[in-house]
Amino acid sequence: MAEIKRHWPELNGKDAEEAKTELEKEEHVERVDIKPEGHPMPLIYNPTSVWIFVDEDNKVKDIRRFA
């Protein structure tokens, strides 16, 4: 079984919409949400979801997968 990617450091600092487009091309990613930095973590487990956390300039600060 292939390893599921959980980190995308190469997208840090990029525009959130550009990062979302890149993530949507990834295998095992079905949903990508953009949230402000500091937004509470979801309580629902969904291994196909990825969250992009952005700063006030809509630049990627962190990307997390909950799997």
PDB file of N, CA and C in Angstrom:
ATOM      1  N   MET A   1       0.843  -1.189   0.000  1.00  0.00           N
ATOM      2  CA  MET A   1       0.000   0.000   0.000  1.00  0.00           C
ATOM      3  C   MET A   1       0.884   1.247   0.000  1.00  0.00           C
ATOM      4  N   ALA A   2       0.545   2.210  -0.810  1.00  0.00           N
ATOM      5  CA  ALA A   2       1.334   3.437  -0.927  1.00  0.00           C
ATOM      6  C   ALA A   2       1.177   4.304   0.319  1.00  0.00           C
ATOM      7  N   GLU A   3       2.256   4.973   0.649  1.00  0.00           N
ATOM      8  CA  GLU A   3       2.253   5.919   1.765  1.00  0.00           C
ATOM      9  C   GLU A   3       1.386   7.123   1.397  1.00  0.00           C
ATOM     10  N   ILE A   4       0.529   7.562   2.330  1.00  0.00           N
ATOM     11  CA  ILE A   4      -0.310   8.730   2.095  1.00  0.00           C
ATOM     12  C   ILE A   4       0.473   9.968   2.512  1.00  0.00           C
ATOM     13  N   LYS A   5       0.588  10.923   1.612  1.00  0.00           N
ATOM     14  CA  LYS A   5       1.324  12.151   1.888  1.00  0.00           C
ATOM     15  C   LYS A   5       0.567  12.976   2.916  1.00  0.00           C
ATOM     16  N   ARG A   6       1.297  13.510   3.909  1.00  0.00           N
ATOM     17  CA  ARG A   6       0.692  14.288   4.982  1.00  0.00           C
ATOM     18  C   ARG A   6       1.243  15.711   5.080  1.00  0.00           C
ATOM     19  N   HIS A   7       2.364  15.980   4.439  1.00  0.00           N
ATOM     20  CA  HIS A   7       3.011  17.287   4.558  1.00  0.00           C
ATOM     21  C   HIS A   7       3.395  17.812   3.181  1.00  0.00           C
ATOM     22  N   TRP A   8       3.264  19.105   2.989  1.00  0.00           N
ATOM     23  CA  TRP A   8       3.613  19.761   1.733  1.00  0.00           C
ATOM     24  C   TRP A   8       4.416  21.030   2.026  1.00  0.00           C
ATOM     25  N   PRO A   9       5.626  20.917   2.545  1.00  0.00           N
ATOM     26  CA  PRO A   9       6.410  22.117   2.873  1.00  0.00           C
ATOM     27  C   PRO A   9       6.717  22.976   1.650  1.00  0.00           C
ATOM     28  N   GLU A  10       6.717  22.374   0.478  1.00  0.00           N
ATOM     29  CA  GLU A  10       6.998  23.123  -0.747  1.00  0.00           C
ATOM     30  C   GLU A  10       5.914  24.148  -1.077  1.00  0.00           C
ATOM     31  N   LEU A  11       4.750  24.048  -0.425  1.00  0.00           N
ATOM     32  CA  LEU A  11       3.661  24.991  -0.677  1.00  0.00           C
ATOM     33  C   LEU A  11       3.605  26.126   0.339  1.00  0.00           C
ATOM     34  N   ASN A  12       4.399  26.069   1.398  1.00  0.00           N
ATOM     35  CA  ASN A  12       4.413  27.141   2.400  1.00  0.00           C
ATOM     36  C   ASN A  12       4.800  28.458   1.742  1.00  0.00           C
ATOM     37  N   GLY A  13       4.035  29.506   2.047  1.00  0.00           N
ATOM     38  CA  GLY A  13       4.293  30.831   1.501  1.00  0.00           C
ATOM     39  C   GLY A  13       3.610  31.111   0.175  1.00  0.00           C
ATOM     40  N   LYS A  14       3.036  30.091  -0.444  1.00  0.00           N
ATOM     41  CA  LYS A  14       2.345  30.287  -1.729  1.00  0.00           C
ATOM     42  C   LYS A  14       0.939  30.832  -1.489  1.00  0.00           C
ATOM     43  N   ASP A  15       0.350  31.373  -2.537  1.00  0.00           N
ATOM     44  CA  ASP A  15      -1.036  31.804  -2.490  1.00  0.00           C
ATOM     45  C   ASP A  15      -1.926  30.590  -2.212  1.00  0.00           C
ATOM     46  N   ALA A  16      -2.923  30.750  -1.365  1.00  0.00           N
ATOM     47  CA  ALA A  16      -3.768  29.629  -0.949  1.00  0.00           C
ATOM     48  C   ALA A  16      -4.492  28.968  -2.118  1.00  0.00           C
ATOM     49  N   GLU A  17      -4.989  29.744  -3.060  1.00  0.00           N
ATOM     50  CA  GLU A  17      -5.713  29.161  -4.192  1.00  0.00           C
ATOM     51  C   GLU A  17      -4.776  28.352  -5.089  1.00  0.00           C
ATOM     52  N   GLU A  18      -3.539  28.829  -5.265  1.00  0.00           N
ATOM     53  CA  GLU A  18      -2.553  28.068  -6.039  1.00  0.00           C
ATOM     54  C   GLU A  18      -2.240  26.749  -5.341  1.00  0.00           C
ATOM     55  N   ALA A  19      -2.067  26.812  -4.023  1.00  0.00           N
ATOM     56  CA  ALA A  19      -1.785  25.600  -3.251  1.00  0.00           C
ATOM     57  C   ALA A  19      -2.959  24.628  -3.335  1.00  0.00           C
ATOM     58  N   LYS A  20      -4.179  25.153  -3.254  1.00  0.00           N
ATOM     59  CA  LYS A  20      -5.365  24.297  -3.344  1.00  0.00           C
ATOM     60  C   LYS A  20      -5.402  23.569  -4.682  1.00  0.00           C
ATOM     61  N   THR A  21      -5.103  24.272  -5.760  1.00  0.00           N
ATOM     62  CA  THR A  21      -5.076  23.659  -7.089  1.00  0.00           C
ATOM     63  C   THR A  21      -4.060  22.523  -7.144  1.00  0.00           C
ATOM     64  N   GLU A  22      -2.887  22.740  -6.565  1.00  0.00           N
ATOM     65  CA  GLU A  22      -1.855  21.696  -6.540  1.00  0.00           C
ATOM     66  C   GLU A  22      -2.308  20.492  -5.715  1.00  0.00           C
ATOM     67  N   LEU A  23      -2.901  20.744  -4.561  1.00  0.00           N
ATOM     68  CA  LEU A  23      -3.342  19.650  -3.691  1.00  0.00           C
ATOM     69  C   LEU A  23      -4.457  18.826  -4.328  1.00  0.00           C
ATOM     70  N   GLU A  24      -5.327  19.475  -5.077  1.00  0.00           N
ATOM     71  CA  GLU A  24      -6.434  18.756  -5.715  1.00  0.00           C
ATOM     72  C   GLU A  24      -5.943  17.760  -6.765  1.00  0.00           C
ATOM     73  N   LYS A  25      -4.712  17.901  -7.218  1.00  0.00           N
ATOM     74  CA  LYS A  25      -4.115  16.965  -8.173  1.00  0.00           C
ATOM     75  C   LYS A  25      -3.516  15.740  -7.486  1.00  0.00           C
ATOM     76  N   GLU A  26      -3.347  15.816  -6.169  1.00  0.00           N
ATOM     77  CA  GLU A  26      -2.704  14.743  -5.411  1.00  0.00           C
ATOM     78  C   GLU A  26      -3.613  13.524  -5.290  1.00  0.00           C
ATOM     79  N   GLU A  27      -2.994  12.371  -5.301  1.00  0.00           N
ATOM     80  CA  GLU A  27      -3.715  11.126  -5.054  1.00  0.00           C
ATOM     81  C   GLU A  27      -4.160  11.105  -3.593  1.00  0.00           C
ATOM     82  N   HIS A  28      -5.316  10.569  -3.314  1.00  0.00           N
ATOM     83  CA  HIS A  28      -5.876  10.440  -1.966  1.00  0.00           C
ATOM     84  C   HIS A  28      -6.312  11.776  -1.368  1.00  0.00           C
ATOM     85  N   VAL A  29      -6.508  12.808  -2.185  1.00  0.00           N
ATOM     86  CA  VAL A  29      -7.041  14.081  -1.705  1.00  0.00           C
ATOM     87  C   VAL A  29      -8.348  14.328  -2.443  1.00  0.00           C
ATOM     88  N   GLU A  30      -9.443  14.356  -1.685  1.00  0.00           N
ATOM     89  CA  GLU A  30     -10.756  14.574  -2.291  1.00  0.00           C
ATOM     90  C   GLU A  30     -11.357  15.921  -1.916  1.00  0.00           C
ATOM     91  N   ARG A  31     -10.878  16.499  -0.813  1.00  0.00           N
ATOM     92  CA  ARG A  31     -11.428  17.773  -0.357  1.00  0.00           C
ATOM     93  C   ARG A  31     -10.302  18.624   0.198  1.00  0.00           C
ATOM     94  N   VAL A  32     -10.286  19.904  -0.194  1.00  0.00           N
ATOM     95  CA  VAL A  32      -9.294  20.850   0.305  1.00  0.00           C
ATOM     96  C   VAL A  32     -10.039  22.074   0.817  1.00  0.00           C
ATOM     97  N   ASP A  33      -9.832  22.418   2.087  1.00  0.00           N
ATOM     98  CA  ASP A  33     -10.455  23.591   2.690  1.00  0.00           C
ATOM     99  C   ASP A  33      -9.378  24.602   3.045  1.00  0.00           C
ATOM    100  N   ILE A  34      -9.695  25.881   2.867  1.00  0.00           N
ATOM    101  CA  ILE A  34      -8.797  26.967   3.245  1.00  0.00           C
ATOM    102  C   ILE A  34      -9.379  27.629   4.485  1.00  0.00           C
ATOM    103  N   LYS A  35      -8.570  27.725   5.538  1.00  0.00           N
ATOM    104  CA  LYS A  35      -9.012  28.284   6.815  1.00  0.00           C
ATOM    105  C   LYS A  35      -7.984  29.292   7.314  1.00  0.00           C
ATOM    106  N   PRO A  36      -8.420  30.289   8.093  1.00  0.00           N
ATOM    107  CA  PRO A  36      -7.453  31.233   8.656  1.00  0.00           C
ATOM    108  C   PRO A  36      -6.574  30.551   9.701  1.00  0.00           C
ATOM    109  N   GLU A  37      -5.342  31.017   9.800  1.00  0.00           N
ATOM    110  CA  GLU A  37      -4.412  30.487  10.794  1.00  0.00           C
ATOM    111  C   GLU A  37      -5.049  30.604  12.180  1.00  0.00           C
ATOM    112  N   GLY A  38      -4.948  29.557  12.980  1.00  0.00           N
ATOM    113  CA  GLY A  38      -5.528  29.545  14.314  1.00  0.00           C
ATOM    114  C   GLY A  38      -6.950  29.021  14.370  1.00  0.00           C
ATOM    115  N   HIS A  39      -7.529  28.701  13.223  1.00  0.00           N
ATOM    116  CA  HIS A  39      -8.885  28.142  13.171  1.00  0.00           C
ATOM    117  C   HIS A  39      -8.884  26.807  13.911  1.00  0.00           C
ATOM    118  N   PRO A  40      -9.954  26.492  14.666  1.00  0.00           N
ATOM    119  CA  PRO A  40      -9.998  25.211  15.383  1.00  0.00           C
ATOM    120  C   PRO A  40      -9.892  24.011  14.438  1.00  0.00           C
ATOM    121  N   MET A  41      -9.302  22.960  14.939  1.00  0.00           N
ATOM    122  CA  MET A  41      -9.151  21.723  14.176  1.00  0.00           C
ATOM    123  C   MET A  41     -10.499  21.008  14.094  1.00  0.00           C
ATOM    124  N   PRO A  42     -10.749  20.281  13.007  1.00  0.00           N
ATOM    125  CA  PRO A  42     -12.021  19.561  12.878  1.00  0.00           C
ATOM    126  C   PRO A  42     -12.077  18.364  13.826  1.00  0.00           C
ATOM    127  N   LEU A  43     -13.272  18.015  14.216  1.00  0.00           N
ATOM    128  CA  LEU A  43     -13.469  16.856  15.082  1.00  0.00           C
ATOM    129  C   LEU A  43     -13.839  15.617  14.277  1.00  0.00           C
ATOM    130  N   ILE A  44     -14.042  15.792  12.994  1.00  0.00           N
ATOM    131  CA  ILE A  44     -14.437  14.688  12.122  1.00  0.00           C
ATOM    132  C   ILE A  44     -13.203  14.118  11.435  1.00  0.00           C
ATOM    133  N   TYR A  45     -13.036  12.810  11.529  1.00  0.00           N
ATOM    134  CA  TYR A  45     -11.913  12.129  10.885  1.00  0.00           C
ATOM    135  C   TYR A  45     -12.256  11.882   9.428  1.00  0.00           C
ATOM    136  N   ASN A  46     -11.462  12.427   8.525  1.00  0.00           N
ATOM    137  CA  ASN A  46     -11.650  12.190   7.096  1.00  0.00           C
ATOM    138  C   ASN A  46     -10.272  12.141   6.445  1.00  0.00           C
ATOM    139  N   PRO A  47      -9.775  10.958   6.144  1.00  0.00           N
ATOM    140  CA  PRO A  47      -8.415  10.831   5.612  1.00  0.00           C
ATOM    141  C   PRO A  47      -8.221  11.400   4.212  1.00  0.00           C
ATOM    142  N   THR A  48      -9.295  11.783   3.537  1.00  0.00           N
ATOM    143  CA  THR A  48      -9.152  12.360   2.198  1.00  0.00           C
ATOM    144  C   THR A  48      -9.238  13.887   2.209  1.00  0.00           C
ATOM    145  N   SER A  49      -9.380  14.483   3.393  1.00  0.00           N
ATOM    146  CA  SER A  49      -9.462  15.940   3.513  1.00  0.00           C
ATOM    147  C   SER A  49      -8.121  16.538   3.897  1.00  0.00           C
ATOM    148  N   VAL A  50      -7.853  17.712   3.344  1.00  0.00           N
ATOM    149  CA  VAL A  50      -6.648  18.467   3.662  1.00  0.00           C
ATOM    150  C   VAL A  50      -7.075  19.892   3.980  1.00  0.00           C
ATOM    151  N   TRP A  51      -6.474  20.466   5.029  1.00  0.00           N
ATOM    152  CA  TRP A  51      -6.762  21.842   5.396  1.00  0.00           C
ATOM    153  C   TRP A  51      -5.540  22.696   5.118  1.00  0.00           C
ATOM    154  N   ILE A  52      -5.766  23.837   4.482  1.00  0.00           N
ATOM    155  CA  ILE A  52      -4.727  24.838   4.268  1.00  0.00           C
ATOM    156  C   ILE A  52      -4.993  25.970   5.255  1.00  0.00           C
ATOM    157  N   PHE A  53      -4.028  26.272   6.096  1.00  0.00           N
ATOM    158  CA  PHE A  53      -4.139  27.389   7.028  1.00  0.00           C
ATOM    159  C   PHE A  53      -3.350  28.561   6.456  1.00  0.00           C
ATOM    160  N   VAL A  54      -3.996  29.735   6.405  1.00  0.00           N
ATOM    161  CA  VAL A  54      -3.401  30.897   5.749  1.00  0.00           C
ATOM    162  C   VAL A  54      -3.273  32.084   6.700  1.00  0.00           C
ATOM    163  N   ASP A  55      -2.351  32.998   6.345  1.00  0.00           N
ATOM    164  CA  ASP A  55      -2.207  34.237   7.099  1.00  0.00           C
ATOM    165  C   ASP A  55      -3.163  35.289   6.539  1.00  0.00           C
ATOM    166  N   GLU A  56      -3.052  36.514   7.031  1.00  0.00           N
ATOM    167  CA  GLU A  56      -3.965  37.586   6.614  1.00  0.00           C
ATOM    168  C   GLU A  56      -3.788  37.981   5.145  1.00  0.00           C
ATOM    169  N   ASP A  57      -2.668  37.595   4.533  1.00  0.00           N
ATOM    170  CA  ASP A  57      -2.427  37.877   3.115  1.00  0.00           C
ATOM    171  C   ASP A  57      -2.809  36.702   2.210  1.00  0.00           C
ATOM    172  N   ASN A  58      -3.476  35.705   2.777  1.00  0.00           N
ATOM    173  CA  ASN A  58      -3.909  34.499   2.060  1.00  0.00           C
ATOM    174  C   ASN A  58      -2.731  33.654   1.570  1.00  0.00           C
ATOM    175  N   LYS A  59      -1.630  33.720   2.308  1.00  0.00           N
ATOM    176  CA  LYS A  59      -0.449  32.902   2.009  1.00  0.00           C
ATOM    177  C   LYS A  59      -0.451  31.683   2.930  1.00  0.00           C
ATOM    178  N   VAL A  60      -0.022  30.547   2.407  1.00  0.00           N
ATOM    179  CA  VAL A  60      -0.024  29.290   3.156  1.00  0.00           C
ATOM    180  C   VAL A  60       0.954  29.362   4.323  1.00  0.00           C
ATOM    181  N   LYS A  61       0.440  29.066   5.514  1.00  0.00           N
ATOM    182  CA  LYS A  61       1.266  28.972   6.718  1.00  0.00           C
ATOM    183  C   LYS A  61       1.484  27.521   7.120  1.00  0.00           C
ATOM    184  N   ASP A  62       0.470  26.684   6.886  1.00  0.00           N
ATOM    185  CA  ASP A  62       0.543  25.281   7.280  1.00  0.00           C
ATOM    186  C   ASP A  62      -0.495  24.502   6.478  1.00  0.00           C
ATOM    187  N   ILE A  63      -0.203  23.237   6.245  1.00  0.00           N
ATOM    188  CA  ILE A  63      -1.147  22.343   5.571  1.00  0.00           C
ATOM    189  C   ILE A  63      -1.207  21.069   6.389  1.00  0.00           C
ATOM    190  N   ARG A  64      -2.428  20.621   6.689  1.00  0.00           N
ATOM    191  CA  ARG A  64      -2.583  19.423   7.517  1.00  0.00           C
ATOM    192  C   ARG A  64      -3.590  18.460   6.909  1.00  0.00           C
ATOM    193  N   ARG A  65      -3.260  17.204   7.060  1.00  0.00           N
ATOM    194  CA  ARG A  65      -4.169  16.117   6.684  1.00  0.00           C
ATOM    195  C   ARG A  65      -4.495  15.385   7.981  1.00  0.00           C
ATOM    196  N   PHE A  66      -5.738  15.027   8.150  1.00  0.00           N
ATOM    197  CA  PHE A  66      -6.175  14.362   9.375  1.00  0.00           C
ATOM    198  C   PHE A  66      -6.373  12.889   9.127  1.00  0.00           C
ATOM    199  N   ALA A  67      -5.277  12.186   8.959  1.00  0.00           N
ATOM    200  CA  ALA A  67      -5.322  10.745   8.715  1.00  0.00           C
ATOM    201  C   ALA A  67      -4.224  10.062   9.491  1.00  0.00           C
TER     202      ALA A  67
END
